[in-house]
Amino acid sequence: MSSQILQYIISGITNGAIYAVIALGFTIIYNSTEVINFAQGEFVMLGGMAVIALDGMSNLPLGFSFLLAVLAVTLVGIALERFTIRPAKSSDPIALIIITVGASIFLRGVAMMFWGKDSLGLRPFTGSTPIHLGGATLVPQSLWVLGVTVLVMACLQFFYKRTITGKAMRACAFNRRAAGLVGIGVNRMVLVSFGLSAAIGAAAGIVVVPITLCGYDVGIMLGLKGFCAAVLGGLGSSPGSILGGFLLGVLEALGAGLISSGFKDAIAFFVLLLVLFIRPSGLLGSKEVKRF
């Protein structure tokens, strides 16, 4: 029994790492615009599909295909902000959220026309021989998922604390009007936030593809679970997004393993409702959520 629980926890940590990265994408855009980007899951899907396409059409090293896929999805994120969000920036936040829902549907449709309805897969980065850990097993790709998650978190921390652009984005998050008055290009910061969010979403999609197949519609559930993780930890808080992602992943795995696998997807939404009723600001939030 203990080995089974350990296996569930390991699986939950792997899934939680993906949810954490997706939740960070929600947080980055929310801090810049106060808009919830429901196209975030499609960035994950596009990253996975793009790396599969690049790996199948060329003899490029997988690492180079990884970078090209991230770059391509980053450009999609920038285009999304430039051609859909910016023209409607003076609209009500609800209208902007609806725009992101429409963008999500559009991106899924384009992906379906381009890649079809079949799910596609990618070879593991470094083999598939399982690693035995106590009574549980861990596939090497899970280590890549965890490693990329840690790298994303470290890079974001460095970006926000040590770079001028990162500090400007933090200033916009706290007070956009004041940031604009001191000469910070608020529109440019919003553009950067969409590009950055798309990039880390693509990275999450790429590393998870060898574990789970990727199709045009996988972004729906991944995006919703990433949103649940962001709300659980505290929407607008990067540490909260990370905590919420890992916690949601473990709870989901334990619930599916100990209760029924049929409850796996429902657990995330049950947690979301529970948090909204008991602590709407999230675990690490307060009435004024601490950002970054």
Protein backbone atom coordinates (compact mmCIF):
# COMPACT_ATOMS: atom_id res chain seq x y z
CA MET A 1 0.00 0.00 0.00
CA SER A 2 2.81 2.42 0.89
CA SER A 3 4.54 1.75 -2.45
CA GLN A 4 1.28 2.50 -4.26
CA ILE A 5 0.88 5.79 -2.44
CA LEU A 6 4.50 6.66 -3.25
CA GLN A 7 3.77 5.92 -6.91
CA TYR A 8 0.72 8.17 -6.82
CA ILE A 9 2.73 10.97 -5.22
CA ILE A 10 5.50 10.68 -7.82
CA SER A 11 2.95 10.79 -10.64
CA GLY A 12 1.23 13.71 -8.94
CA ILE A 13 4.47 15.67 -8.64
CA THR A 14 5.15 15.19 -12.36
CA ASN A 15 1.66 16.36 -13.31
CA GLY A 16 1.85 19.12 -10.72
CA ALA A 17 5.01 20.48 -12.28
CA ILE A 18 3.16 20.96 -15.56
CA TYR A 19 0.20 22.56 -13.80
CA ALA A 20 2.60 24.88 -11.97
CA VAL A 21 4.20 26.11 -15.20
CA ILE A 22 0.79 26.66 -16.81
CA ALA A 23 -0.39 28.49 -13.69
CA LEU A 24 2.67 30.74 -13.93
CA GLY A 25 1.57 31.63 -17.45
CA PHE A 26 -1.83 32.69 -16.14
CA THR A 27 -0.15 34.73 -13.40
CA ILE A 28 2.22 36.56 -15.75
CA ILE A 29 -0.60 37.82 -17.95
CA TYR A 30 -2.97 38.49 -15.06
CA ASN A 31 -0.38 40.66 -13.33
CA SER A 32 0.11 42.75 -16.47
CA THR A 33 -3.48 43.06 -17.63
CA GLU A 34 -5.79 41.72 -14.88
CA VAL A 35 -7.14 39.46 -17.61
CA ILE A 36 -7.38 35.67 -17.33
CA ASN A 37 -6.00 34.26 -20.56
CA PHE A 38 -8.02 31.15 -21.37
CA ALA A 39 -5.84 30.54 -24.42
CA GLN A 40 -2.96 29.54 -22.14
CA GLY A 41 -3.70 25.84 -22.62
CA GLU A 42 -3.42 26.29 -26.37
CA PHE A 43 0.14 27.59 -25.94
CA VAL A 44 0.91 24.26 -24.26
CA MET A 45 -0.77 22.33 -27.08
CA LEU A 46 1.01 24.32 -29.79
CA GLY A 47 4.38 23.74 -28.14
CA GLY A 48 3.85 19.99 -28.15
CA MET A 49 2.49 19.85 -31.69
CA ALA A 50 5.20 22.14 -33.04
CA VAL A 51 8.07 20.07 -31.64
CA ILE A 52 6.48 16.88 -32.99
CA ALA A 53 6.18 18.47 -36.44
CA LEU A 54 9.75 19.77 -36.39
CA ASP A 55 11.11 16.44 -35.19
CA GLY A 56 9.27 14.57 -37.93
CA MET A 57 10.05 16.91 -40.83
CA SER A 58 13.75 17.51 -40.25
CA ASN A 59 16.96 15.97 -39.00
CA LEU A 60 17.45 18.73 -36.47
CA PRO A 61 18.65 17.79 -32.98
CA LEU A 62 15.78 17.57 -30.53
CA GLY A 63 17.21 20.44 -28.49
CA PHE A 64 17.17 22.73 -31.52
CA SER A 65 13.61 21.66 -32.36
CA PHE A 66 12.72 22.50 -28.74
CA LEU A 67 14.03 26.05 -29.14
CA LEU A 68 12.36 26.57 -32.52
CA ALA A 69 9.02 25.36 -31.16
CA VAL A 70 9.26 27.71 -28.17
CA LEU A 71 10.13 30.60 -30.49
CA ALA A 72 7.21 29.82 -32.81
CA VAL A 73 4.70 29.72 -29.95
CA THR A 74 6.18 32.89 -28.47
CA LEU A 75 5.41 34.64 -31.76
CA VAL A 76 1.85 33.30 -31.56
CA GLY A 77 1.51 34.79 -28.08
CA ILE A 78 2.84 38.14 -29.27
CA ALA A 79 0.44 38.10 -32.24
CA LEU A 80 -2.46 37.28 -29.90
CA GLU A 81 -1.75 40.36 -27.82
CA ARG A 82 -1.02 42.64 -30.74
CA PHE A 83 -4.05 41.81 -32.87
CA THR A 84 -6.74 40.84 -30.35
CA ILE A 85 -6.01 42.21 -26.88
CA ARG A 86 -4.42 45.57 -27.69
CA PRO A 87 -7.19 46.82 -30.01
CA ALA A 88 -9.71 46.10 -27.23
CA LYS A 89 -7.57 47.22 -24.28
CA SER A 90 -10.09 49.87 -23.23
CA SER A 91 -12.87 47.29 -23.04
CA ASP A 92 -14.25 45.74 -19.88
CA PRO A 93 -12.05 42.91 -18.47
CA ILE A 94 -14.89 40.45 -19.05
CA ALA A 95 -14.84 41.33 -22.75
CA LEU A 96 -11.09 40.72 -22.86
CA ILE A 97 -11.53 37.34 -21.19
CA ILE A 98 -14.15 36.42 -23.79
CA ILE A 99 -11.66 37.43 -26.49
CA THR A 100 -9.13 34.96 -25.06
CA VAL A 101 -11.80 32.24 -25.11
CA GLY A 102 -12.41 33.02 -28.77
CA ALA A 103 -8.67 32.94 -29.45
CA SER A 104 -8.51 29.54 -27.76
CA ILE A 105 -11.22 28.16 -30.04
CA PHE A 106 -9.51 29.68 -33.10
CA LEU A 107 -6.11 28.17 -32.23
CA ARG A 108 -7.67 24.74 -31.69
CA GLY A 109 -9.37 24.97 -35.06
CA VAL A 110 -6.14 25.91 -36.81
CA ALA A 111 -4.30 23.07 -35.08
CA MET A 112 -7.00 20.58 -36.10
CA MET A 113 -6.81 21.68 -39.75
CA PHE A 114 -3.01 21.57 -39.76
CA TRP A 115 -2.32 18.36 -37.78
CA GLY A 116 -5.66 16.54 -37.93
CA LYS A 117 -7.67 14.97 -35.13
CA ASP A 118 -5.30 12.10 -34.31
CA SER A 119 -3.12 12.27 -31.21
CA LEU A 120 0.62 12.37 -31.88
CA GLY A 121 3.60 11.35 -29.78
CA LEU A 122 7.29 12.10 -29.39
CA ARG A 123 10.17 9.88 -28.33
CA PRO A 124 11.50 10.35 -24.78
CA PHE A 125 14.41 12.75 -24.53
CA THR A 126 16.78 10.27 -22.84
CA GLY A 127 15.34 6.77 -23.11
CA SER A 128 12.45 5.07 -21.39
CA THR A 129 14.10 2.68 -18.92
CA PRO A 130 12.26 3.24 -15.63
CA ILE A 131 14.09 4.32 -12.51
CA HIS A 132 13.16 2.38 -9.38
CA LEU A 133 12.58 4.51 -6.32
CA GLY A 134 11.57 2.51 -3.29
CA GLY A 135 8.58 0.50 -4.40
CA ALA A 136 7.69 2.98 -7.13
CA THR A 137 9.04 3.67 -10.61
CA LEU A 138 9.92 6.93 -12.29
CA VAL A 139 10.33 7.35 -16.03
CA PRO A 140 13.33 9.49 -17.08
CA GLN A 141 11.07 11.95 -18.88
CA SER A 142 9.56 12.90 -15.52
CA LEU A 143 12.99 14.17 -14.50
CA TRP A 144 13.00 16.36 -17.61
CA VAL A 145 9.60 17.72 -16.63
CA LEU A 146 10.81 18.56 -13.13
CA GLY A 147 14.11 19.95 -14.42
CA VAL A 148 12.46 22.26 -16.95
CA THR A 149 9.98 23.40 -14.29
CA VAL A 150 12.79 24.31 -11.90
CA LEU A 151 14.66 26.04 -14.74
CA VAL A 152 11.58 28.07 -15.68
CA MET A 153 11.07 29.14 -12.06
CA ALA A 154 14.74 30.12 -11.68
CA CYS A 155 14.78 32.06 -14.95
CA LEU A 156 11.60 33.93 -14.04
CA GLN A 157 13.04 34.80 -10.64
CA PHE A 158 16.21 36.14 -12.27
CA PHE A 159 14.19 37.98 -14.92
CA TYR A 160 11.96 39.79 -12.42
CA LYS A 161 14.68 40.57 -9.90
CA ARG A 162 17.71 41.32 -12.07
CA THR A 163 16.60 42.70 -15.44
CA ILE A 164 15.25 46.14 -16.27
CA THR A 165 12.38 44.69 -18.30
CA GLY A 166 11.43 42.35 -15.46
CA LYS A 167 11.43 45.18 -12.95
CA ALA A 168 9.32 47.26 -15.32
CA MET A 169 6.81 44.40 -15.57
CA ARG A 170 6.64 44.24 -11.78
CA ALA A 171 6.01 47.97 -11.65
CA CYS A 172 3.17 47.62 -14.15
CA ALA A 173 1.71 44.80 -12.08
CA PHE A 174 1.55 46.96 -8.95
CA ASN A 175 0.31 50.16 -10.59
CA ARG A 176 0.01 50.46 -14.35
CA ARG A 177 -0.87 54.16 -14.35
CA ALA A 178 2.05 55.12 -12.12
CA ALA A 179 4.39 52.98 -14.21
CA GLY A 180 3.26 54.80 -17.34
CA LEU A 181 3.76 58.20 -15.69
CA VAL A 182 7.41 57.42 -14.95
CA GLY A 183 8.09 56.46 -18.56
CA ILE A 184 7.55 52.70 -18.60
CA GLY A 185 5.99 51.49 -21.85
CA VAL A 186 2.94 49.71 -20.45
CA ASN A 187 1.82 48.38 -23.84
CA ARG A 188 5.26 46.93 -24.44
CA MET A 189 5.22 45.24 -21.04
CA VAL A 190 1.87 43.65 -21.82
CA LEU A 191 3.30 42.42 -25.13
CA VAL A 192 6.30 40.94 -23.32
CA SER A 193 4.03 39.24 -20.80
CA PHE A 194 2.09 37.47 -23.55
CA GLY A 195 5.28 36.38 -25.27
CA LEU A 196 6.78 35.15 -22.01
CA SER A 197 3.61 33.32 -21.03
CA ALA A 198 3.45 31.64 -24.43
CA ALA A 199 7.11 30.60 -24.20
CA ILE A 200 6.80 28.86 -20.83
CA GLY A 201 3.51 27.29 -21.90
CA ALA A 202 5.23 25.89 -24.98
CA ALA A 203 8.09 24.53 -22.86
CA ALA A 204 5.57 22.72 -20.65
CA GLY A 205 3.88 21.20 -23.69
CA ILE A 206 7.16 20.01 -25.17
CA VAL A 207 8.46 18.19 -22.10
CA VAL A 208 5.14 16.48 -21.36
CA VAL A 209 4.54 15.16 -24.91
CA PRO A 210 6.73 12.03 -24.51
CA ILE A 211 4.66 11.07 -21.44
CA THR A 212 1.18 11.83 -22.78
CA LEU A 213 0.16 12.04 -26.42
CA CYS A 214 -0.63 15.46 -27.84
CA GLY A 215 -3.66 16.40 -29.91
CA TYR A 216 -5.36 19.58 -31.03
CA ASP A 217 -7.70 19.54 -28.02
CA VAL A 218 -5.35 18.70 -25.14
CA GLY A 219 -4.97 22.35 -24.22
CA ILE A 220 -8.53 22.61 -22.94
CA MET A 221 -8.11 20.42 -19.87
CA LEU A 222 -4.49 21.40 -19.24
CA GLY A 223 -5.40 25.07 -19.36
CA LEU A 224 -8.34 24.64 -17.00
CA LYS A 225 -6.24 22.67 -14.52
CA GLY A 226 -3.51 25.30 -14.71
CA PHE A 227 -6.15 27.91 -13.94
CA CYS A 228 -7.38 25.84 -10.98
CA ALA A 229 -3.79 25.65 -9.72
CA ALA A 230 -3.37 29.42 -10.06
CA VAL A 231 -6.56 30.08 -8.10
CA LEU A 232 -5.64 27.48 -5.48
CA GLY A 233 -2.28 29.11 -4.82
CA GLY A 234 -3.51 32.68 -5.21
CA LEU A 235 -4.12 34.26 -8.61
CA GLY A 236 -1.40 36.85 -9.20
CA SER A 237 1.17 35.17 -6.94
CA SER A 238 4.05 33.29 -8.56
CA PRO A 239 4.91 31.28 -5.41
CA GLY A 240 1.22 30.53 -5.06
CA SER A 241 1.04 29.26 -8.64
CA ILE A 242 3.92 26.88 -7.99
CA LEU A 243 2.45 25.63 -4.72
CA GLY A 244 -1.01 25.31 -6.24
CA GLY A 245 0.30 23.35 -9.21
CA PHE A 246 2.17 20.75 -7.19
CA LEU A 247 -0.59 20.45 -4.59
CA LEU A 248 -3.26 20.00 -7.24
CA GLY A 249 -1.19 17.37 -9.04
CA VAL A 250 -0.69 15.31 -5.88
CA LEU A 251 -4.34 15.62 -4.81
CA GLU A 252 -5.46 14.60 -8.28
CA ALA A 253 -3.18 11.55 -8.36
CA LEU A 254 -4.15 10.41 -4.86
CA GLY A 255 -7.84 10.88 -5.60
CA ALA A 256 -7.63 8.95 -8.86
CA GLY A 257 -5.60 6.15 -7.28
CA LEU A 258 -7.35 5.75 -3.95
CA ILE A 259 -10.93 6.58 -4.96
CA SER A 260 -11.50 6.16 -8.69
CA SER A 261 -9.75 7.21 -11.88
CA GLY A 262 -13.11 8.53 -13.04
CA PHE A 263 -12.77 11.36 -10.53
CA LYS A 264 -9.37 12.49 -11.82
CA ASP A 265 -10.53 15.47 -13.86
CA ALA A 266 -13.34 16.34 -11.45
CA ILE A 267 -10.95 16.75 -8.52
CA ALA A 268 -9.40 19.93 -9.95
CA PHE A 269 -12.78 21.59 -10.29
CA PHE A 270 -13.90 20.42 -6.87
CA VAL A 271 -10.76 22.01 -5.42
CA LEU A 272 -11.49 25.20 -7.39
CA LEU A 273 -15.01 25.45 -5.98
CA LEU A 274 -13.78 24.68 -2.47
CA VAL A 275 -11.15 27.43 -2.64
CA LEU A 276 -13.62 29.96 -4.04
CA PHE A 277 -16.04 29.25 -1.20
CA ILE A 278 -13.53 29.07 1.68
CA ARG A 279 -10.59 31.28 0.64
CA PRO A 280 -11.17 33.08 -2.67
CA SER A 281 -7.74 34.71 -2.55
CA GLY A 282 -5.97 31.33 -2.52
CA LEU A 283 -3.54 29.67 -0.13
CA LEU A 284 -0.81 32.31 -0.38
CA GLY A 285 -3.10 35.20 -1.16
CA SER A 286 -4.75 37.85 0.94
CA LYS A 287 -7.23 40.58 0.16
CA GLU A 288 -4.43 42.14 -1.84
CA VAL A 289 -2.54 39.29 -3.48
CA LYS A 290 1.23 39.56 -3.22
CA ARG A 291 2.53 39.39 -6.76
CA PHE A 292 5.87 37.98 -7.80
